[in-house]
Amino acid sequence: MFIVNIDHIPGKELEALGMVKGAIVYSKNFGKDFMAGIKGLVGGELEGYTEMLNEARQMAVKRMVDEAEAMGADAIINVRYGSASMMAGAAEIIAYGTAVRYL
């Protein structure tokens, strides 16, 4: 699946199939939260959280791609990410874009 964050694919004529999205609500785990608390005292990157968010983004993109494949898409254009805090210790990650088919 070709995924871009621009609104066209140079040299391709496209048929828009519709919006696709993938979302996940991810929560912190105690071990990563504890280590982040310690790291917060001395400063620096919270690597456990960075890894956790990267995993969540990958899962959201996979869900978006699965939805696009089910529509018969060749690509997803204008891809964006969003996030929101759902509750203490949990966040939603969403990936969305427009599924297209090459003409």
PDB file of N, CA and C in Angstrom:
ATOM      1  N   MET A   1       0.863  -1.179   0.000  1.00  0.00           N
ATOM      2  CA  MET A   1       0.000   0.000   0.000  1.00  0.00           C
ATOM      3  C   MET A   1       0.904   1.235   0.000  1.00  0.00           C
ATOM      4  N   PHE A   2       0.668   2.125  -0.946  1.00  0.00           N
ATOM      5  CA  PHE A   2       1.418   3.377  -1.038  1.00  0.00           C
ATOM      6  C   PHE A   2       0.713   4.403  -0.155  1.00  0.00           C
ATOM      7  N   ILE A   3       1.443   4.994   0.781  1.00  0.00           N
ATOM      8  CA  ILE A   3       0.864   5.932   1.746  1.00  0.00           C
ATOM      9  C   ILE A   3       1.639   7.240   1.679  1.00  0.00           C
ATOM     10  N   VAL A   4       0.915   8.349   1.427  1.00  0.00           N
ATOM     11  CA  VAL A   4       1.557   9.661   1.359  1.00  0.00           C
ATOM     12  C   VAL A   4       0.718  10.695   2.117  1.00  0.00           C
ATOM     13  N   ASN A   5       1.365  11.767   2.525  1.00  0.00           N
ATOM     14  CA  ASN A   5       0.613  12.829   3.200  1.00  0.00           C
ATOM     15  C   ASN A   5       0.425  14.057   2.305  1.00  0.00           C
ATOM     16  N   ILE A   6       0.409  13.833   0.988  1.00  0.00           N
ATOM     17  CA  ILE A   6       0.062  14.881   0.029  1.00  0.00           C
ATOM     18  C   ILE A   6      -1.272  14.509  -0.605  1.00  0.00           C
ATOM     19  N   ASP A   7      -1.902  15.455  -1.289  1.00  0.00           N
ATOM     20  CA  ASP A   7      -3.262  15.220  -1.792  1.00  0.00           C
ATOM     21  C   ASP A   7      -3.320  14.659  -3.211  1.00  0.00           C
ATOM     22  N   HIS A   8      -2.188  14.203  -3.727  1.00  0.00           N
ATOM     23  CA  HIS A   8      -2.158  13.593  -5.055  1.00  0.00           C
ATOM     24  C   HIS A   8      -0.912  12.713  -5.143  1.00  0.00           C
ATOM     25  N   ILE A   9      -0.854  11.908  -6.184  1.00  0.00           N
ATOM     26  CA  ILE A   9       0.351  11.128  -6.462  1.00  0.00           C
ATOM     27  C   ILE A   9       0.819  11.555  -7.839  1.00  0.00           C
ATOM     28  N   PRO A  10       1.965  12.217  -7.927  1.00  0.00           N
ATOM     29  CA  PRO A  10       2.435  12.726  -9.216  1.00  0.00           C
ATOM     30  C   PRO A  10       2.441  11.636 -10.288  1.00  0.00           C
ATOM     31  N   GLY A  11       1.870  11.978 -11.450  1.00  0.00           N
ATOM     32  CA  GLY A  11       1.846  11.066 -12.582  1.00  0.00           C
ATOM     33  C   GLY A  11       0.745  10.027 -12.536  1.00  0.00           C
ATOM     34  N   LYS A  12      -0.115  10.069 -11.528  1.00  0.00           N
ATOM     35  CA  LYS A  12      -1.204   9.089 -11.416  1.00  0.00           C
ATOM     36  C   LYS A  12      -2.549   9.794 -11.434  1.00  0.00           C
ATOM     37  N   GLU A  13      -3.482   9.204 -12.163  1.00  0.00           N
ATOM     38  CA  GLU A  13      -4.866   9.672 -12.125  1.00  0.00           C
ATOM     39  C   GLU A  13      -5.572   8.793 -11.096  1.00  0.00           C
ATOM     40  N   LEU A  14      -6.328   9.425 -10.215  1.00  0.00           N
ATOM     41  CA  LEU A  14      -6.888   8.715  -9.068  1.00  0.00           C
ATOM     42  C   LEU A  14      -8.405   8.780  -9.010  1.00  0.00           C
ATOM     43  N   GLU A  15      -8.977   7.741  -8.464  1.00  0.00           N
ATOM     44  CA  GLU A  15     -10.401   7.724  -8.116  1.00  0.00           C
ATOM     45  C   GLU A  15     -10.473   7.639  -6.594  1.00  0.00           C
ATOM     46  N   ALA A  16     -11.117   8.619  -5.975  1.00  0.00           N
ATOM     47  CA  ALA A  16     -11.262   8.618  -4.518  1.00  0.00           C
ATOM     48  C   ALA A  16     -12.313   7.596  -4.116  1.00  0.00           C
ATOM     49  N   LEU A  17     -11.972   6.741  -3.160  1.00  0.00           N
ATOM     50  CA  LEU A  17     -12.888   5.712  -2.677  1.00  0.00           C
ATOM     51  C   LEU A  17     -13.547   6.099  -1.357  1.00  0.00           C
ATOM     52  N   GLY A  18     -12.913   6.996  -0.636  1.00  0.00           N
ATOM     53  CA  GLY A  18     -13.470   7.436   0.636  1.00  0.00           C
ATOM     54  C   GLY A  18     -12.425   7.504   1.729  1.00  0.00           C
ATOM     55  N   MET A  19     -12.855   8.042   2.840  1.00  0.00           N
ATOM     56  CA  MET A  19     -11.961   8.192   3.992  1.00  0.00           C
ATOM     57  C   MET A  19     -11.772   6.847   4.681  1.00  0.00           C
ATOM     58  N   VAL A  20     -10.538   6.609   5.116  1.00  0.00           N
ATOM     59  CA  VAL A  20     -10.220   5.420   5.903  1.00  0.00           C
ATOM     60  C   VAL A  20      -9.518   5.875   7.174  1.00  0.00           C
ATOM     61  N   LYS A  21      -9.663   5.082   8.214  1.00  0.00           N
ATOM     62  CA  LYS A  21      -9.016   5.443   9.465  1.00  0.00           C
ATOM     63  C   LYS A  21      -8.682   4.191  10.244  1.00  0.00           C
ATOM     64  N   GLY A  22      -7.744   4.380  11.141  1.00  0.00           N
ATOM     65  CA  GLY A  22      -7.371   3.334  12.084  1.00  0.00           C
ATOM     66  C   GLY A  22      -7.135   4.006  13.413  1.00  0.00           C
ATOM     67  N   ALA A  23      -7.693   3.445  14.464  1.00  0.00           N
ATOM     68  CA  ALA A  23      -7.553   4.055  15.783  1.00  0.00           C
ATOM     69  C   ALA A  23      -7.213   2.998  16.815  1.00  0.00           C
ATOM     70  N   ILE A  24      -6.551   3.427  17.854  1.00  0.00           N
ATOM     71  CA  ILE A  24      -6.226   2.559  18.975  1.00  0.00           C
ATOM     72  C   ILE A  24      -6.188   3.415  20.237  1.00  0.00           C
ATOM     73  N   VAL A  25      -6.671   2.863  21.320  1.00  0.00           N
ATOM     74  CA  VAL A  25      -6.528   3.502  22.625  1.00  0.00           C
ATOM     75  C   VAL A  25      -5.474   2.699  23.365  1.00  0.00           C
ATOM     76  N   TYR A  26      -4.421   3.365  23.732  1.00  0.00           N
ATOM     77  CA  TYR A  26      -3.260   2.719  24.333  1.00  0.00           C
ATOM     78  C   TYR A  26      -3.073   3.240  25.743  1.00  0.00           C
ATOM     79  N   SER A  27      -2.732   2.358  26.656  1.00  0.00           N
ATOM     80  CA  SER A  27      -2.491   2.809  28.033  1.00  0.00           C
ATOM     81  C   SER A  27      -1.053   2.524  28.429  1.00  0.00           C
ATOM     82  N   LYS A  28      -0.592   3.308  29.369  1.00  0.00           N
ATOM     83  CA  LYS A  28       0.750   3.122  29.913  1.00  0.00           C
ATOM     84  C   LYS A  28       0.768   1.850  30.742  1.00  0.00           C
ATOM     85  N   ASN A  29       1.936   1.230  30.827  1.00  0.00           N
ATOM     86  CA  ASN A  29       2.040   0.122  31.765  1.00  0.00           C
ATOM     87  C   ASN A  29       2.852   0.571  32.965  1.00  0.00           C
ATOM     88  N   PHE A  30       2.698  -0.101  34.061  1.00  0.00           N
ATOM     89  CA  PHE A  30       3.308   0.332  35.313  1.00  0.00           C
ATOM     90  C   PHE A  30       4.817   0.450  35.209  1.00  0.00           C
ATOM     91  N   GLY A  31       5.466  -0.520  34.579  1.00  0.00           N
ATOM     92  CA  GLY A  31       6.926  -0.493  34.478  1.00  0.00           C
ATOM     93  C   GLY A  31       7.431   0.726  33.728  1.00  0.00           C
ATOM     94  N   LYS A  32       6.818   1.022  32.587  1.00  0.00           N
ATOM     95  CA  LYS A  32       7.237   2.189  31.803  1.00  0.00           C
ATOM     96  C   LYS A  32       6.904   3.478  32.549  1.00  0.00           C
ATOM     97  N   ASP A  33       5.757   3.490  33.227  1.00  0.00           N
ATOM     98  CA  ASP A  33       5.354   4.674  33.982  1.00  0.00           C
ATOM     99  C   ASP A  33       6.322   4.940  35.127  1.00  0.00           C
ATOM    100  N   PHE A  34       6.731   3.907  35.825  1.00  0.00           N
ATOM    101  CA  PHE A  34       7.665   4.040  36.941  1.00  0.00           C
ATOM    102  C   PHE A  34       9.010   4.573  36.452  1.00  0.00           C
ATOM    103  N   MET A  35       9.514   3.979  35.357  1.00  0.00           N
ATOM    104  CA  MET A  35      10.806   4.420  34.818  1.00  0.00           C
ATOM    105  C   MET A  35      10.722   5.852  34.285  1.00  0.00           C
ATOM    106  N   ALA A  36       9.592   6.222  33.698  1.00  0.00           N
ATOM    107  CA  ALA A  36       9.425   7.591  33.206  1.00  0.00           C
ATOM    108  C   ALA A  36       9.427   8.574  34.364  1.00  0.00           C
ATOM    109  N   GLY A  37       8.832   8.188  35.482  1.00  0.00           N
ATOM    110  CA  GLY A  37       8.830   9.046  36.659  1.00  0.00           C
ATOM    111  C   GLY A  37      10.243   9.308  37.159  1.00  0.00           C
ATOM    112  N   ILE A  38      11.058   8.285  37.169  1.00  0.00           N
ATOM    113  CA  ILE A  38      12.456   8.446  37.592  1.00  0.00           C
ATOM    114  C   ILE A  38      13.204   9.315  36.591  1.00  0.00           C
ATOM    115  N   LYS A  39      13.004   9.042  35.294  1.00  0.00           N
ATOM    116  CA  LYS A  39      13.681   9.819  34.245  1.00  0.00           C
ATOM    117  C   LYS A  39      13.245  11.287  34.315  1.00  0.00           C
ATOM    118  N   GLY A  40      11.990  11.530  34.704  1.00  0.00           N
ATOM    119  CA  GLY A  40      11.496  12.892  34.810  1.00  0.00           C
ATOM    120  C   GLY A  40      12.239  13.715  35.849  1.00  0.00           C
ATOM    121  N   LEU A  41      12.816  13.050  36.812  1.00  0.00           N
ATOM    122  CA  LEU A  41      13.585  13.755  37.848  1.00  0.00           C
ATOM    123  C   LEU A  41      14.905  14.289  37.310  1.00  0.00           C
ATOM    124  N   VAL A  42      15.509  13.583  36.362  1.00  0.00           N
ATOM    125  CA  VAL A  42      16.822  13.984  35.856  1.00  0.00           C
ATOM    126  C   VAL A  42      16.766  14.584  34.456  1.00  0.00           C
ATOM    127  N   GLY A  43      15.635  14.445  33.777  1.00  0.00           N
ATOM    128  CA  GLY A  43      15.484  15.003  32.431  1.00  0.00           C
ATOM    129  C   GLY A  43      15.913  14.027  31.355  1.00  0.00           C
ATOM    130  N   GLY A  44      15.531  14.328  30.138  1.00  0.00           N
ATOM    131  CA  GLY A  44      15.883  13.493  29.002  1.00  0.00           C
ATOM    132  C   GLY A  44      14.668  12.853  28.367  1.00  0.00           C
ATOM    133  N   GLU A  45      14.916  12.123  27.288  1.00  0.00           N
ATOM    134  CA  GLU A  45      13.832  11.469  26.559  1.00  0.00           C
ATOM    135  C   GLU A  45      13.236  10.343  27.384  1.00  0.00           C
ATOM    136  N   LEU A  46      11.924  10.245  27.353  1.00  0.00           N
ATOM    137  CA  LEU A  46      11.220   9.149  28.005  1.00  0.00           C
ATOM    138  C   LEU A  46      11.074   8.037  26.971  1.00  0.00           C
ATOM    139  N   GLU A  47      12.124   7.245  26.826  1.00  0.00           N
ATOM    140  CA  GLU A  47      12.216   6.271  25.744  1.00  0.00           C
ATOM    141  C   GLU A  47      11.089   5.244  25.783  1.00  0.00           C
ATOM    142  N   GLY A  48      10.656   4.843  26.963  1.00  0.00           N
ATOM    143  CA  GLY A  48       9.561   3.888  27.071  1.00  0.00           C
ATOM    144  C   GLY A  48       8.285   4.431  26.455  1.00  0.00           C
ATOM    145  N   TYR A  49       8.012   5.718  26.698  1.00  0.00           N
ATOM    146  CA  TYR A  49       6.814   6.347  26.113  1.00  0.00           C
ATOM    147  C   TYR A  49       6.968   6.531  24.608  1.00  0.00           C
ATOM    148  N   THR A  50       8.168   6.902  24.166  1.00  0.00           N
ATOM    149  CA  THR A  50       8.417   7.053  22.737  1.00  0.00           C
ATOM    150  C   THR A  50       8.162   5.730  22.026  1.00  0.00           C
ATOM    151  N   GLU A  51       8.689   4.641  22.578  1.00  0.00           N
ATOM    152  CA  GLU A  51       8.487   3.310  22.003  1.00  0.00           C
ATOM    153  C   GLU A  51       7.002   2.940  22.001  1.00  0.00           C
ATOM    154  N   MET A  52       6.318   3.224  23.097  1.00  0.00           N
ATOM    155  CA  MET A  52       4.901   2.898  23.214  1.00  0.00           C
ATOM    156  C   MET A  52       4.079   3.649  22.161  1.00  0.00           C
ATOM    157  N   LEU A  53       4.351   4.930  21.967  1.00  0.00           N
ATOM    158  CA  LEU A  53       3.609   5.720  20.979  1.00  0.00           C
ATOM    159  C   LEU A  53       3.930   5.285  19.553  1.00  0.00           C
ATOM    160  N   ASN A  54       5.178   4.904  19.293  1.00  0.00           N
ATOM    161  CA  ASN A  54       5.525   4.395  17.967  1.00  0.00           C
ATOM    162  C   ASN A  54       4.757   3.107  17.665  1.00  0.00           C
ATOM    163  N   GLU A  55       4.665   2.225  18.654  1.00  0.00           N
ATOM    164  CA  GLU A  55       3.905   0.985  18.476  1.00  0.00           C
ATOM    165  C   GLU A  55       2.427   1.297  18.211  1.00  0.00           C
ATOM    166  N   ALA A  56       1.879   2.239  18.956  1.00  0.00           N
ATOM    167  CA  ALA A  56       0.464   2.604  18.791  1.00  0.00           C
ATOM    168  C   ALA A  56       0.222   3.196  17.405  1.00  0.00           C
ATOM    169  N   ARG A  57       1.121   4.057  16.921  1.00  0.00           N
ATOM    170  CA  ARG A  57       0.983   4.631  15.583  1.00  0.00           C
ATOM    171  C   ARG A  57       1.042   3.541  14.515  1.00  0.00           C
ATOM    172  N   GLN A  58       1.953   2.578  14.675  1.00  0.00           N
ATOM    173  CA  GLN A  58       2.060   1.488  13.701  1.00  0.00           C
ATOM    174  C   GLN A  58       0.775   0.666  13.661  1.00  0.00           C
ATOM    175  N   MET A  59       0.181   0.411  14.822  1.00  0.00           N
ATOM    176  CA  MET A  59      -1.073  -0.344  14.860  1.00  0.00           C
ATOM    177  C   MET A  59      -2.211   0.443  14.212  1.00  0.00           C
ATOM    178  N   ALA A  60      -2.254   1.761  14.456  1.00  0.00           N
ATOM    179  CA  ALA A  60      -3.291   2.599  13.855  1.00  0.00           C
ATOM    180  C   ALA A  60      -3.144   2.612  12.334  1.00  0.00           C
ATOM    181  N   VAL A  61      -1.918   2.717  11.831  1.00  0.00           N
ATOM    182  CA  VAL A  61      -1.686   2.708  10.385  1.00  0.00           C
ATOM    183  C   VAL A  61      -2.080   1.354   9.797  1.00  0.00           C
ATOM    184  N   LYS A  62      -1.745   0.264  10.467  1.00  0.00           N
ATOM    185  CA  LYS A  62      -2.127  -1.061   9.959  1.00  0.00           C
ATOM    186  C   LYS A  62      -3.639  -1.177   9.847  1.00  0.00           C
ATOM    187  N   ARG A  63      -4.367  -0.685  10.825  1.00  0.00           N
ATOM    188  CA  ARG A  63      -5.830  -0.743  10.783  1.00  0.00           C
ATOM    189  C   ARG A  63      -6.373   0.109   9.639  1.00  0.00           C
ATOM    190  N   MET A  64      -5.747   1.266   9.404  1.00  0.00           N
ATOM    191  CA  MET A  64      -6.158   2.131   8.300  1.00  0.00           C
ATOM    192  C   MET A  64      -5.906   1.421   6.972  1.00  0.00           C
ATOM    193  N   VAL A  65      -4.744   0.809   6.825  1.00  0.00           N
ATOM    194  CA  VAL A  65      -4.397   0.088   5.593  1.00  0.00           C
ATOM    195  C   VAL A  65      -5.349  -1.090   5.376  1.00  0.00           C
ATOM    196  N   ASP A  66      -5.668  -1.813   6.429  1.00  0.00           N
ATOM    197  CA  ASP A  66      -6.605  -2.936   6.307  1.00  0.00           C
ATOM    198  C   ASP A  66      -7.957  -2.462   5.776  1.00  0.00           C
ATOM    199  N   GLU A  67      -8.422  -1.309   6.284  1.00  0.00           N
ATOM    200  CA  GLU A  67      -9.699  -0.759   5.823  1.00  0.00           C
ATOM    201  C   GLU A  67      -9.615  -0.364   4.347  1.00  0.00           C
ATOM    202  N   ALA A  68      -8.490   0.241   3.945  1.00  0.00           N
ATOM    203  CA  ALA A  68      -8.308   0.654   2.553  1.00  0.00           C
ATOM    204  C   ALA A  68      -8.232  -0.558   1.627  1.00  0.00           C
ATOM    205  N   GLU A  69      -7.537  -1.609   2.058  1.00  0.00           N
ATOM    206  CA  GLU A  69      -7.439  -2.819   1.242  1.00  0.00           C
ATOM    207  C   GLU A  69      -8.811  -3.454   1.039  1.00  0.00           C
ATOM    208  N   ALA A  70      -9.639  -3.418   2.074  1.00  0.00           N
ATOM    209  CA  ALA A  70     -10.993  -3.972   1.968  1.00  0.00           C
ATOM    210  C   ALA A  70     -11.838  -3.205   0.953  1.00  0.00           C
ATOM    211  N   MET A  71     -11.487  -1.935   0.687  1.00  0.00           N
ATOM    212  CA  MET A  71     -12.199  -1.121  -0.297  1.00  0.00           C
ATOM    213  C   MET A  71     -11.619  -1.288  -1.698  1.00  0.00           C
ATOM    214  N   GLY A  72     -10.507  -2.013  -1.814  1.00  0.00           N
ATOM    215  CA  GLY A  72      -9.858  -2.187  -3.113  1.00  0.00           C
ATOM    216  C   GLY A  72      -8.919  -1.049  -3.471  1.00  0.00           C
ATOM    217  N   ALA A  73      -8.407  -0.334  -2.478  1.00  0.00           N
ATOM    218  CA  ALA A  73      -7.533   0.817  -2.719  1.00  0.00           C
ATOM    219  C   ALA A  73      -6.127   0.389  -3.121  1.00  0.00           C
ATOM    220  N   ASP A  74      -5.482   1.248  -3.911  1.00  0.00           N
ATOM    221  CA  ASP A  74      -4.081   1.075  -4.278  1.00  0.00           C
ATOM    222  C   ASP A  74      -3.170   1.937  -3.404  1.00  0.00           C
ATOM    223  N   ALA A  75      -3.740   2.994  -2.836  1.00  0.00           N
ATOM    224  CA  ALA A  75      -2.936   3.938  -2.067  1.00  0.00           C
ATOM    225  C   ALA A  75      -3.844   4.692  -1.092  1.00  0.00           C
ATOM    226  N   ILE A  76      -3.194   5.366  -0.158  1.00  0.00           N
ATOM    227  CA  ILE A  76      -3.899   6.271   0.758  1.00  0.00           C
ATOM    228  C   ILE A  76      -3.172   7.605   0.688  1.00  0.00           C
ATOM    229  N   ILE A  77      -3.923   8.649   0.373  1.00  0.00           N
ATOM    230  CA  ILE A  77      -3.327   9.985   0.254  1.00  0.00           C
ATOM    231  C   ILE A  77      -3.804  10.868   1.403  1.00  0.00           C
ATOM    232  N   ASN A  78      -3.095  11.980   1.580  1.00  0.00           N
ATOM    233  CA  ASN A  78      -3.451  12.992   2.569  1.00  0.00           C
ATOM    234  C   ASN A  78      -3.542  12.400   3.985  1.00  0.00           C
ATOM    235  N   VAL A  79      -2.591  11.539   4.323  1.00  0.00           N
ATOM    236  CA  VAL A  79      -2.595  10.847   5.615  1.00  0.00           C
ATOM    237  C   VAL A  79      -2.213  11.808   6.733  1.00  0.00           C
ATOM    238  N   ARG A  80      -2.945  11.713   7.813  1.00  0.00           N
ATOM    239  CA  ARG A  80      -2.713  12.534   9.011  1.00  0.00           C
ATOM    240  C   ARG A  80      -2.775  11.647  10.244  1.00  0.00           C
ATOM    241  N   TYR A  81      -2.181  12.135  11.312  1.00  0.00           N
ATOM    242  CA  TYR A  81      -2.248  11.479  12.617  1.00  0.00           C
ATOM    243  C   TYR A  81      -2.907  12.431  13.597  1.00  0.00           C
ATOM    244  N   GLY A  82      -3.556  11.865  14.580  1.00  0.00           N
ATOM    245  CA  GLY A  82      -4.117  12.656  15.662  1.00  0.00           C
ATOM    246  C   GLY A  82      -3.978  11.883  16.955  1.00  0.00           C
ATOM    247  N   SER A  83      -4.052  12.595  18.046  1.00  0.00           N
ATOM    248  CA  SER A  83      -4.026  11.937  19.354  1.00  0.00           C
ATOM    249  C   SER A  83      -4.848  12.751  20.334  1.00  0.00           C
ATOM    250  N   ALA A  84      -5.368  12.049  21.304  1.00  0.00           N
ATOM    251  CA  ALA A  84      -6.159  12.706  22.344  1.00  0.00           C
ATOM    252  C   ALA A  84      -6.017  11.906  23.629  1.00  0.00           C
ATOM    253  N   SER A  85      -6.025  12.609  24.719  1.00  0.00           N
ATOM    254  CA  SER A  85      -6.007  11.949  26.018  1.00  0.00           C
ATOM    255  C   SER A  85      -7.410  11.448  26.313  1.00  0.00           C
ATOM    256  N   MET A  86      -7.535  10.170  26.628  1.00  0.00           N
ATOM    257  CA  MET A  86      -8.843   9.581  26.897  1.00  0.00           C
ATOM    258  C   MET A  86      -9.163   9.608  28.392  1.00  0.00           C
ATOM    259  N   MET A  87      -8.138   9.364  29.194  1.00  0.00           N
ATOM    260  CA  MET A  87      -8.255   9.343  30.647  1.00  0.00           C
ATOM    261  C   MET A  87      -6.839   9.348  31.189  1.00  0.00           C
ATOM    262  N   ALA A  88      -6.687   9.447  32.475  1.00  0.00           N
ATOM    263  CA  ALA A  88      -5.346   9.429  33.047  1.00  0.00           C
ATOM    264  C   ALA A  88      -4.642   8.138  32.645  1.00  0.00           C
ATOM    265  N   GLY A  89      -3.523   8.265  31.974  1.00  0.00           N
ATOM    266  CA  GLY A  89      -2.732   7.104  31.608  1.00  0.00           C
ATOM    267  C   GLY A  89      -3.109   6.432  30.297  1.00  0.00           C
ATOM    268  N   ALA A  90      -4.071   6.984  29.536  1.00  0.00           N
ATOM    269  CA  ALA A  90      -4.460   6.373  28.268  1.00  0.00           C
ATOM    270  C   ALA A  90      -4.670   7.449  27.211  1.00  0.00           C
ATOM    271  N   ALA A  91      -4.292   7.111  25.983  1.00  0.00           N
ATOM    272  CA  ALA A  91      -4.436   8.059  24.882  1.00  0.00           C
ATOM    273  C   ALA A  91      -4.940   7.339  23.645  1.00  0.00           C
ATOM    274  N   GLU A  92      -5.695   8.061  22.817  1.00  0.00           N
ATOM    275  CA  GLU A  92      -6.131   7.538  21.528  1.00  0.00           C
ATOM    276  C   GLU A  92      -5.164   8.042  20.468  1.00  0.00           C
ATOM    277  N   ILE A  93      -4.763   7.152  19.591  1.00  0.00           N
ATOM    278  CA  ILE A  93      -3.961   7.509  18.425  1.00  0.00           C
ATOM    279  C   ILE A  93      -4.809   7.153  17.214  1.00  0.00           C
ATOM    280  N   ILE A  94      -4.925   8.076  16.263  1.00  0.00           N
ATOM    281  CA  ILE A  94      -5.698   7.812  15.052  1.00  0.00           C
ATOM    282  C   ILE A  94      -4.868   8.196  13.834  1.00  0.00           C
ATOM    283  N   ALA A  95      -4.969   7.366  12.806  1.00  0.00           N
ATOM    284  CA  ALA A  95      -4.376   7.655  11.500  1.00  0.00           C
ATOM    285  C   ALA A  95      -5.539   7.665  10.512  1.00  0.00           C
ATOM    286  N   TYR A  96      -5.569   8.671   9.634  1.00  0.00           N
ATOM    287  CA  TYR A  96      -6.665   8.749   8.674  1.00  0.00           C
ATOM    288  C   TYR A  96      -6.196   9.370   7.372  1.00  0.00           C
ATOM    289  N   GLY A  97      -6.903   9.052   6.308  1.00  0.00           N
ATOM    290  CA  GLY A  97      -6.565   9.584   5.001  1.00  0.00           C
ATOM    291  C   GLY A  97      -7.639   9.202   3.995  1.00  0.00           C
ATOM    292  N   THR A  98      -7.359   9.421   2.724  1.00  0.00           N
ATOM    293  CA  THR A  98      -8.298   9.121   1.658  1.00  0.00           C
ATOM    294  C   THR A  98      -7.789   7.927   0.860  1.00  0.00           C
ATOM    295  N   ALA A  99      -8.613   6.873   0.807  1.00  0.00           N
ATOM    296  CA  ALA A  99      -8.272   5.689   0.007  1.00  0.00           C
ATOM    297  C   ALA A  99      -8.529   6.011  -1.461  1.00  0.00           C
ATOM    298  N   VAL A 100      -7.592   5.648  -2.329  1.00  0.00           N
ATOM    299  CA  VAL A 100      -7.729   5.913  -3.761  1.00  0.00           C
ATOM    300  C   VAL A 100      -7.355   4.673  -4.566  1.00  0.00           C
ATOM    301  N   ARG A 101      -7.896   4.639  -5.775  1.00  0.00           N
ATOM    302  CA  ARG A 101      -7.564   3.575  -6.727  1.00  0.00           C
ATOM    303  C   ARG A 101      -6.967   4.259  -7.943  1.00  0.00           C
ATOM    304  N   TYR A 102      -5.941   3.626  -8.533  1.00  0.00           N
ATOM    305  CA  TYR A 102      -5.342   4.152  -9.744  1.00  0.00           C
ATOM    306  C   TYR A 102      -6.263   3.894 -10.921  1.00  0.00           C
ATOM    307  N   LEU A 103      -6.378   4.883 -11.815  1.00  0.00           N
ATOM    308  CA  LEU A 103      -7.175   4.720 -13.035  1.00  0.00           C
ATOM    309  C   LEU A 103      -6.278   4.351 -14.198  1.00  0.00           C
TER     310      LEU A 103
END
